[in-house]
Amino acid sequence: MFTGLVRSVGRVEAVHASAEQRTFVVAATLDPVERALGASVSVAGVCLTVTAATPHSFTVEAAFETLARTSLGALQVGSRVNLEPALRIGDALGGHLVSGHVDGLARLRSRSARGDAVLMWFDVPRELLPFLAVKGSACVDGVSLTINSVDASGFAVGLIPHTLAVTTLGERDIGDALNLEVDLLARYVARLLEFKAAMAPASISAGVTRETLVQAGYLPDDRAEGTGP
């Protein structure tokens, strides 16, 4: 589990490709606990497992599903990536709860200066639009962001100078694909509503009718009393 508060920016120093898999060596300074074998690290918003480490770098692997759903397959030697070690008990939760399980790719539609800040609009896959709400949260390339606006194709966020300075978001160009994780709570609420709708009786799913009101006792049953047709 993560918070979307980027701890540092690492640089990819080696990429090893094999059948449906990539191995990345990332230059970064993490403490011994954070880079221990088996530890989880968010790399550009993707939860990956440390498979090897030195005091100045760590190694992670991404398999076919991760490569298909995220932007990691496009990483090259020299690419900069946002890093966050896994949340530990007692750490401050300053962003929002982030799992590191990417839902899809957000594509940068536009960027415009607003004083020292930058307004960015992202287009997202249609199936993810219901999970985005004004003042809600989204994780973009591992960065916890507050949604400022939404429209029929995506959402907008405002990036303050600090975020631009300590993450890779300020380096992104129009058309770039970034890893998007929608809010964890929104995803579970949507699933609960979907399940409830699937389990509801057909009469309820079809809407409120006179028959359902009679059955619930809100209206008299005229037929039973012999006054109906």
C-alpha atoms as a PDB file:
ATOM      1  CA  MET A   1       0.000   0.000   0.000  1.00  0.00           C
ATOM      2  CA  PHE A   2       1.190   3.519  -0.854  1.00  0.00           C
ATOM      3  CA  THR A   3       0.063   7.137  -0.432  1.00  0.00           C
ATOM      4  CA  GLY A   4       0.931   8.720  -3.773  1.00  0.00           C
ATOM      5  CA  LEU A   5       3.517  10.988  -2.132  1.00  0.00           C
ATOM      6  CA  VAL A   6       6.650  10.524  -4.231  1.00  0.00           C
ATOM      7  CA  ARG A   7       9.755   9.990  -2.109  1.00  0.00           C
ATOM      8  CA  SER A   8      12.339  10.416  -4.876  1.00  0.00           C
ATOM      9  CA  VAL A   9      12.902  10.191  -8.613  1.00  0.00           C
ATOM     10  CA  GLY A  10      15.019   7.306  -9.866  1.00  0.00           C
ATOM     11  CA  ARG A  11      16.712   6.761 -13.200  1.00  0.00           C
ATOM     12  CA  VAL A  12      16.588   3.521 -15.189  1.00  0.00           C
ATOM     13  CA  GLU A  13      20.170   2.394 -15.703  1.00  0.00           C
ATOM     14  CA  ALA A  14      19.529  -1.010 -17.324  1.00  0.00           C
ATOM     15  CA  VAL A  15      16.675  -2.815 -19.088  1.00  0.00           C
ATOM     16  CA  HIS A  16      16.774  -6.557 -19.748  1.00  0.00           C
ATOM     17  CA  ALA A  17      14.055  -7.879 -22.043  1.00  0.00           C
ATOM     18  CA  SER A  18      12.903 -11.489 -22.306  1.00  0.00           C
ATOM     19  CA  ALA A  19       9.760 -13.221 -23.519  1.00  0.00           C
ATOM     20  CA  GLU A  20       6.825 -11.246 -22.070  1.00  0.00           C
ATOM     21  CA  GLN A  21       8.942  -9.790 -19.294  1.00  0.00           C
ATOM     22  CA  ARG A  22      11.205  -6.820 -18.546  1.00  0.00           C
ATOM     23  CA  THR A  23      13.802  -6.490 -15.807  1.00  0.00           C
ATOM     24  CA  PHE A  24      14.682  -2.949 -14.738  1.00  0.00           C
ATOM     25  CA  VAL A  25      17.650  -1.761 -12.721  1.00  0.00           C
ATOM     26  CA  VAL A  26      16.794   1.612 -11.180  1.00  0.00           C
ATOM     27  CA  ALA A  27      19.433   3.928  -9.753  1.00  0.00           C
ATOM     28  CA  ALA A  28      18.109   5.322  -6.471  1.00  0.00           C
ATOM     29  CA  THR A  29      19.053   5.567  -2.830  1.00  0.00           C
ATOM     30  CA  LEU A  30      16.698   3.640  -0.557  1.00  0.00           C
ATOM     31  CA  ASP A  31      17.291   2.609   3.031  1.00  0.00           C
ATOM     32  CA  PRO A  32      18.018  -1.102   3.722  1.00  0.00           C
ATOM     33  CA  VAL A  33      14.423  -1.884   4.709  1.00  0.00           C
ATOM     34  CA  GLU A  34      12.972  -0.219   1.615  1.00  0.00           C
ATOM     35  CA  ARG A  35      15.287  -2.123  -0.763  1.00  0.00           C
ATOM     36  CA  ALA A  36      15.230  -5.463   1.046  1.00  0.00           C
ATOM     37  CA  LEU A  37      14.635  -8.545  -1.083  1.00  0.00           C
ATOM     38  CA  GLY A  38      10.877  -8.904  -1.558  1.00  0.00           C
ATOM     39  CA  ALA A  39      10.050  -5.329  -0.582  1.00  0.00           C
ATOM     40  CA  SER A  40       7.397  -3.458  -2.567  1.00  0.00           C
ATOM     41  CA  VAL A  41       8.218  -0.203  -4.340  1.00  0.00           C
ATOM     42  CA  SER A  42       5.940   1.978  -6.435  1.00  0.00           C
ATOM     43  CA  VAL A  43       7.726   2.669  -9.728  1.00  0.00           C
ATOM     44  CA  ALA A  44       5.828   5.275 -11.763  1.00  0.00           C
ATOM     45  CA  GLY A  45       2.713   4.229  -9.870  1.00  0.00           C
ATOM     46  CA  VAL A  46       3.169   0.478 -10.362  1.00  0.00           C
ATOM     47  CA  CYS A  47       3.705  -1.779  -7.355  1.00  0.00           C
ATOM     48  CA  LEU A  48       6.773  -3.925  -8.083  1.00  0.00           C
ATOM     49  CA  THR A  49       8.809  -6.348  -5.998  1.00  0.00           C
ATOM     50  CA  VAL A  50      12.517  -5.831  -5.330  1.00  0.00           C
ATOM     51  CA  THR A  51      14.439  -8.867  -6.626  1.00  0.00           C
ATOM     52  CA  ALA A  52      17.987  -7.543  -6.041  1.00  0.00           C
ATOM     53  CA  ALA A  53      19.577  -4.395  -4.637  1.00  0.00           C
ATOM     54  CA  THR A  54      22.796  -2.529  -3.978  1.00  0.00           C
ATOM     55  CA  PRO A  55      23.265   0.598  -1.837  1.00  0.00           C
ATOM     56  CA  HIS A  56      22.719   2.702  -4.960  1.00  0.00           C
ATOM     57  CA  SER A  57      20.198   0.751  -7.051  1.00  0.00           C
ATOM     58  CA  PHE A  58      17.489  -1.900  -6.993  1.00  0.00           C
ATOM     59  CA  THR A  59      16.111  -4.396  -9.489  1.00  0.00           C
ATOM     60  CA  VAL A  60      12.445  -5.102 -10.276  1.00  0.00           C
ATOM     61  CA  GLU A  61      10.626  -7.205 -12.838  1.00  0.00           C
ATOM     62  CA  ALA A  62       7.432  -6.594 -14.809  1.00  0.00           C
ATOM     63  CA  ALA A  63       5.594  -9.461 -16.521  1.00  0.00           C
ATOM     64  CA  PHE A  64       3.105  -9.595 -19.397  1.00  0.00           C
ATOM     65  CA  GLU A  65      -0.014  -8.270 -17.584  1.00  0.00           C
ATOM     66  CA  THR A  66       1.863  -5.310 -16.098  1.00  0.00           C
ATOM     67  CA  LEU A  67       3.500  -4.514 -19.430  1.00  0.00           C
ATOM     68  CA  ALA A  68       0.135  -4.638 -21.216  1.00  0.00           C
ATOM     69  CA  ARG A  69      -1.694  -2.402 -18.743  1.00  0.00           C
ATOM     70  CA  THR A  70       0.992   0.167 -17.849  1.00  0.00           C
ATOM     71  CA  SER A  71       3.605   2.358 -19.503  1.00  0.00           C
ATOM     72  CA  LEU A  72       6.554   0.386 -18.095  1.00  0.00           C
ATOM     73  CA  GLY A  73       7.183  -1.364 -21.397  1.00  0.00           C
ATOM     74  CA  ALA A  74       8.215   1.976 -22.879  1.00  0.00           C
ATOM     75  CA  LEU A  75      10.920   2.653 -20.276  1.00  0.00           C
ATOM     76  CA  GLN A  76      14.444   2.976 -21.629  1.00  0.00           C
ATOM     77  CA  VAL A  77      17.874   3.484 -20.134  1.00  0.00           C
ATOM     78  CA  GLY A  78      17.880   7.030 -18.801  1.00  0.00           C
ATOM     79  CA  SER A  79      14.119   7.219 -18.177  1.00  0.00           C
ATOM     80  CA  ARG A  80      13.201   8.978 -14.929  1.00  0.00           C
ATOM     81  CA  VAL A  81      10.547   7.361 -12.708  1.00  0.00           C
ATOM     82  CA  ASN A  82       8.691   8.428  -9.577  1.00  0.00           C
ATOM     83  CA  LEU A  83       9.470   6.212  -6.582  1.00  0.00           C
ATOM     84  CA  GLU A  84       7.669   5.531  -3.326  1.00  0.00           C
ATOM     85  CA  PRO A  85       8.495   2.736  -0.851  1.00  0.00           C
ATOM     86  CA  ALA A  86       5.601   0.817   0.662  1.00  0.00           C
ATOM     87  CA  LEU A  87       3.681   2.502   3.472  1.00  0.00           C
ATOM     88  CA  ARG A  88       4.743   1.427   6.960  1.00  0.00           C
ATOM     89  CA  ILE A  89       2.746   1.528  10.189  1.00  0.00           C
ATOM     90  CA  GLY A  90       3.173   4.977  11.695  1.00  0.00           C
ATOM     91  CA  ASP A  91       3.915   6.757   8.404  1.00  0.00           C
ATOM     92  CA  ALA A  92       1.913   9.889   7.650  1.00  0.00           C
ATOM     93  CA  LEU A  93      -0.935   9.376   5.186  1.00  0.00           C
ATOM     94  CA  GLY A  94      -0.689  12.699   3.403  1.00  0.00           C
ATOM     95  CA  GLY A  95      -2.010  11.671  -0.003  1.00  0.00           C
ATOM     96  CA  HIS A  96      -4.658   8.971  -0.375  1.00  0.00           C
ATOM     97  CA  LEU A  97      -4.665   5.169  -0.236  1.00  0.00           C
ATOM     98  CA  VAL A  98      -2.962   3.817  -3.353  1.00  0.00           C
ATOM     99  CA  SER A  99      -2.549   0.118  -4.154  1.00  0.00           C
ATOM    100  CA  GLY A 100      -0.096   0.400  -7.039  1.00  0.00           C
ATOM    101  CA  HIS A 101      -2.470  -1.620  -9.241  1.00  0.00           C
ATOM    102  CA  VAL A 102      -2.846   0.480 -12.392  1.00  0.00           C
ATOM    103  CA  ASP A 103      -6.316   0.624 -13.959  1.00  0.00           C
ATOM    104  CA  GLY A 104      -5.282   2.037 -17.325  1.00  0.00           C
ATOM    105  CA  LEU A 105      -3.393   4.755 -19.139  1.00  0.00           C
ATOM    106  CA  ALA A 106      -4.217   8.461 -19.004  1.00  0.00           C
ATOM    107  CA  ARG A 107      -3.032  10.435 -22.018  1.00  0.00           C
ATOM    108  CA  LEU A 108      -1.999  14.072 -21.581  1.00  0.00           C
ATOM    109  CA  ARG A 109      -4.435  16.160 -23.622  1.00  0.00           C
ATOM    110  CA  SER A 110      -3.186  19.645 -22.796  1.00  0.00           C
ATOM    111  CA  ARG A 111      -1.069  21.648 -20.387  1.00  0.00           C
ATOM    112  CA  SER A 112      -1.211  25.356 -19.658  1.00  0.00           C
ATOM    113  CA  ALA A 113       0.574  27.645 -17.227  1.00  0.00           C
ATOM    114  CA  ARG A 114      -1.436  29.171 -14.392  1.00  0.00           C
ATOM    115  CA  GLY A 115       1.129  31.474 -12.833  1.00  0.00           C
ATOM    116  CA  ASP A 116       3.814  29.203 -11.388  1.00  0.00           C
ATOM    117  CA  ALA A 117       1.423  26.235 -11.484  1.00  0.00           C
ATOM    118  CA  VAL A 118       0.365  24.097 -14.446  1.00  0.00           C
ATOM    119  CA  LEU A 119      -3.119  22.915 -15.405  1.00  0.00           C
ATOM    120  CA  MET A 120      -3.127  19.489 -17.065  1.00  0.00           C
ATOM    121  CA  TRP A 121      -6.026  17.729 -18.782  1.00  0.00           C
ATOM    122  CA  PHE A 122      -5.905  13.955 -19.265  1.00  0.00           C
ATOM    123  CA  ASP A 123      -8.001  11.732 -21.510  1.00  0.00           C
ATOM    124  CA  VAL A 124      -8.838   8.358 -19.952  1.00  0.00           C
ATOM    125  CA  PRO A 125     -10.460   5.101 -21.118  1.00  0.00           C
ATOM    126  CA  ARG A 126     -14.237   5.426 -21.167  1.00  0.00           C
ATOM    127  CA  GLU A 127     -14.757   2.640 -18.636  1.00  0.00           C
ATOM    128  CA  LEU A 128     -12.796   4.583 -16.008  1.00  0.00           C
ATOM    129  CA  LEU A 129     -14.764   7.833 -16.295  1.00  0.00           C
ATOM    130  CA  PRO A 130     -17.378   6.869 -13.643  1.00  0.00           C
ATOM    131  CA  PHE A 131     -14.613   6.634 -11.016  1.00  0.00           C
ATOM    132  CA  LEU A 132     -13.535  10.275 -11.464  1.00  0.00           C
ATOM    133  CA  ALA A 133     -15.187  13.069  -9.501  1.00  0.00           C
ATOM    134  CA  VAL A 134     -14.416  16.707  -8.787  1.00  0.00           C
ATOM    135  CA  LYS A 135     -12.461  16.990  -5.505  1.00  0.00           C
ATOM    136  CA  GLY A 136     -11.844  13.244  -5.660  1.00  0.00           C
ATOM    137  CA  SER A 137      -8.405  11.649  -5.904  1.00  0.00           C
ATOM    138  CA  ALA A 138      -6.469  10.010  -8.720  1.00  0.00           C
ATOM    139  CA  CYS A 139      -2.962   8.600  -8.825  1.00  0.00           C
ATOM    140  CA  VAL A 140      -1.031   9.549 -11.986  1.00  0.00           C
ATOM    141  CA  ASP A 141       2.395   7.967 -12.478  1.00  0.00           C
ATOM    142  CA  GLY A 142       2.514   7.391  -8.734  1.00  0.00           C
ATOM    143  CA  VAL A 143       1.505  10.929  -7.731  1.00  0.00           C
ATOM    144  CA  SER A 144      -1.602  11.543  -5.608  1.00  0.00           C
ATOM    145  CA  LEU A 145      -3.582  14.361  -7.228  1.00  0.00           C
ATOM    146  CA  THR A 146      -6.870  16.119  -6.525  1.00  0.00           C
ATOM    147  CA  ILE A 147      -9.240  16.299  -9.488  1.00  0.00           C
ATOM    148  CA  ASN A 148     -10.214  19.881 -10.337  1.00  0.00           C
ATOM    149  CA  SER A 149     -12.611  19.272 -13.231  1.00  0.00           C
ATOM    150  CA  VAL A 150     -14.088  16.431 -15.270  1.00  0.00           C
ATOM    151  CA  ASP A 151     -15.632  16.293 -18.721  1.00  0.00           C
ATOM    152  CA  ALA A 152     -16.866  13.658 -21.155  1.00  0.00           C
ATOM    153  CA  SER A 153     -13.341  12.460 -21.954  1.00  0.00           C
ATOM    154  CA  GLY A 154     -11.234  12.865 -18.825  1.00  0.00           C
ATOM    155  CA  PHE A 155     -10.173  15.088 -15.968  1.00  0.00           C
ATOM    156  CA  ALA A 156      -8.004  18.060 -15.046  1.00  0.00           C
ATOM    157  CA  VAL A 157      -5.512  18.568 -12.222  1.00  0.00           C
ATOM    158  CA  GLY A 158      -3.490  21.540 -11.050  1.00  0.00           C
ATOM    159  CA  LEU A 159       0.199  20.969 -10.312  1.00  0.00           C
ATOM    160  CA  ILE A 160       1.897  23.304  -7.860  1.00  0.00           C
ATOM    161  CA  PRO A 161       5.599  24.196  -8.284  1.00  0.00           C
ATOM    162  CA  HIS A 162       6.660  21.713  -5.593  1.00  0.00           C
ATOM    163  CA  THR A 163       4.983  18.794  -7.402  1.00  0.00           C
ATOM    164  CA  LEU A 164       6.557  19.879 -10.679  1.00  0.00           C
ATOM    165  CA  ALA A 165       9.983  20.019  -9.018  1.00  0.00           C
ATOM    166  CA  VAL A 166       9.996  16.681  -7.163  1.00  0.00           C
ATOM    167  CA  THR A 167       8.178  14.408  -9.657  1.00  0.00           C
ATOM    168  CA  THR A 168       8.391  13.637 -13.363  1.00  0.00           C
ATOM    169  CA  LEU A 169       4.982  15.144 -14.216  1.00  0.00           C
ATOM    170  CA  GLY A 170       6.472  18.463 -15.298  1.00  0.00           C
ATOM    171  CA  GLU A 171       8.504  16.619 -17.965  1.00  0.00           C
ATOM    172  CA  ARG A 172       5.482  15.131 -19.701  1.00  0.00           C
ATOM    173  CA  ASP A 173       4.490  16.260 -23.189  1.00  0.00           C
ATOM    174  CA  ILE A 174       1.082  16.317 -24.857  1.00  0.00           C
ATOM    175  CA  GLY A 175       0.239  12.811 -26.036  1.00  0.00           C
ATOM    176  CA  ASP A 176       2.304  11.033 -23.384  1.00  0.00           C
ATOM    177  CA  ALA A 177       0.684   8.033 -21.683  1.00  0.00           C
ATOM    178  CA  LEU A 178       0.812   7.944 -17.878  1.00  0.00           C
ATOM    179  CA  ASN A 179      -0.214   5.243 -15.429  1.00  0.00           C
ATOM    180  CA  LEU A 180      -3.602   5.912 -13.841  1.00  0.00           C
ATOM    181  CA  GLU A 181      -5.039   4.347 -10.703  1.00  0.00           C
ATOM    182  CA  VAL A 182      -8.531   5.489  -9.792  1.00  0.00           C
ATOM    183  CA  ASP A 183      -9.541   6.016  -6.187  1.00  0.00           C
ATOM    184  CA  LEU A 184      -9.675   2.726  -4.294  1.00  0.00           C
ATOM    185  CA  LEU A 185     -12.886   3.633  -2.457  1.00  0.00           C
ATOM    186  CA  ALA A 186     -14.644   4.621  -5.688  1.00  0.00           C
ATOM    187  CA  ARG A 187     -13.773   1.261  -7.199  1.00  0.00           C
ATOM    188  CA  TYR A 188     -15.296  -0.680  -4.275  1.00  0.00           C
ATOM    189  CA  VAL A 189     -18.409   1.487  -4.130  1.00  0.00           C
ATOM    190  CA  ALA A 190     -18.978   0.864  -7.843  1.00  0.00           C
ATOM    191  CA  ARG A 191     -18.575  -2.878  -7.347  1.00  0.00           C
ATOM    192  CA  LEU A 192     -21.027  -2.925  -4.434  1.00  0.00           C
ATOM    193  CA  LEU A 193     -23.630  -1.030  -6.466  1.00  0.00           C
ATOM    194  CA  GLU A 194     -23.115  -3.384  -9.415  1.00  0.00           C
ATOM    195  CA  PHE A 195     -23.567  -6.415  -7.173  1.00  0.00           C
ATOM    196  CA  LYS A 196     -26.660  -4.934  -5.512  1.00  0.00           C
ATOM    197  CA  ALA A 197     -28.259  -4.240  -8.890  1.00  0.00           C
ATOM    198  CA  ALA A 198     -27.529  -7.778 -10.080  1.00  0.00           C
ATOM    199  CA  MET A 199     -29.087  -9.302  -6.946  1.00  0.00           C
ATOM    200  CA  ALA A 200     -32.190  -7.084  -6.862  1.00  0.00           C
ATOM    201  CA  PRO A 201     -35.577  -8.629  -7.820  1.00  0.00           C
ATOM    202  CA  ALA A 202     -36.648  -7.904 -11.377  1.00  0.00           C
ATOM    203  CA  SER A 203     -39.567  -5.767 -10.171  1.00  0.00           C
ATOM    204  CA  ILE A 204     -37.198  -3.499  -8.252  1.00  0.00           C
ATOM    205  CA  SER A 205     -34.678  -3.357 -11.083  1.00  0.00           C
ATOM    206  CA  ALA A 206     -37.481  -2.316 -13.442  1.00  0.00           C
ATOM    207  CA  GLY A 207     -38.456   0.592 -11.213  1.00  0.00           C
ATOM    208  CA  VAL A 208     -41.309   1.344  -8.819  1.00  0.00           C
ATOM    209  CA  THR A 209     -44.739   0.275 -10.080  1.00  0.00           C
ATOM    210  CA  ARG A 210     -48.231   0.191  -8.529  1.00  0.00           C
ATOM    211  CA  GLU A 211     -47.820  -3.527  -7.969  1.00  0.00           C
ATOM    212  CA  THR A 212     -44.580  -3.102  -6.009  1.00  0.00           C
ATOM    213  CA  LEU A 213     -46.216  -0.382  -3.872  1.00  0.00           C
ATOM    214  CA  VAL A 214     -49.184  -2.652  -3.152  1.00  0.00           C
ATOM    215  CA  GLN A 215     -46.886  -5.522  -2.251  1.00  0.00           C
ATOM    216  CA  ALA A 216     -44.970  -3.244   0.092  1.00  0.00           C
ATOM    217  CA  GLY A 217     -48.188  -2.116   1.801  1.00  0.00           C
ATOM    218  CA  TYR A 218     -48.085   1.522   0.662  1.00  0.00           C
ATOM    219  CA  LEU A 219     -51.321   1.191  -1.394  1.00  0.00           C
ATOM    220  CA  PRO A 220     -54.484  -0.848  -0.803  1.00  0.00           C
ATOM    221  CA  ASP A 221     -55.072  -3.942  -2.909  1.00  0.00           C
ATOM    222  CA  ASP A 222     -58.322  -2.954  -4.640  1.00  0.00           C
ATOM    223  CA  ARG A 223     -58.662  -6.340  -6.279  1.00  0.00           C
ATOM    224  CA  ALA A 224     -58.561  -8.145  -2.955  1.00  0.00           C
ATOM    225  CA  GLU A 225     -61.340  -5.895  -1.582  1.00  0.00           C
ATOM    226  CA  GLY A 226     -63.529  -6.471  -4.622  1.00  0.00           C
ATOM    227  CA  THR A 227     -63.620  -2.805  -5.634  1.00  0.00           C
ATOM    228  CA  GLY A 228     -61.345  -3.139  -8.577  1.00  0.00           C
ATOM    229  CA  PRO A 229     -62.342  -4.026 -12.131  1.00  0.00           C
END
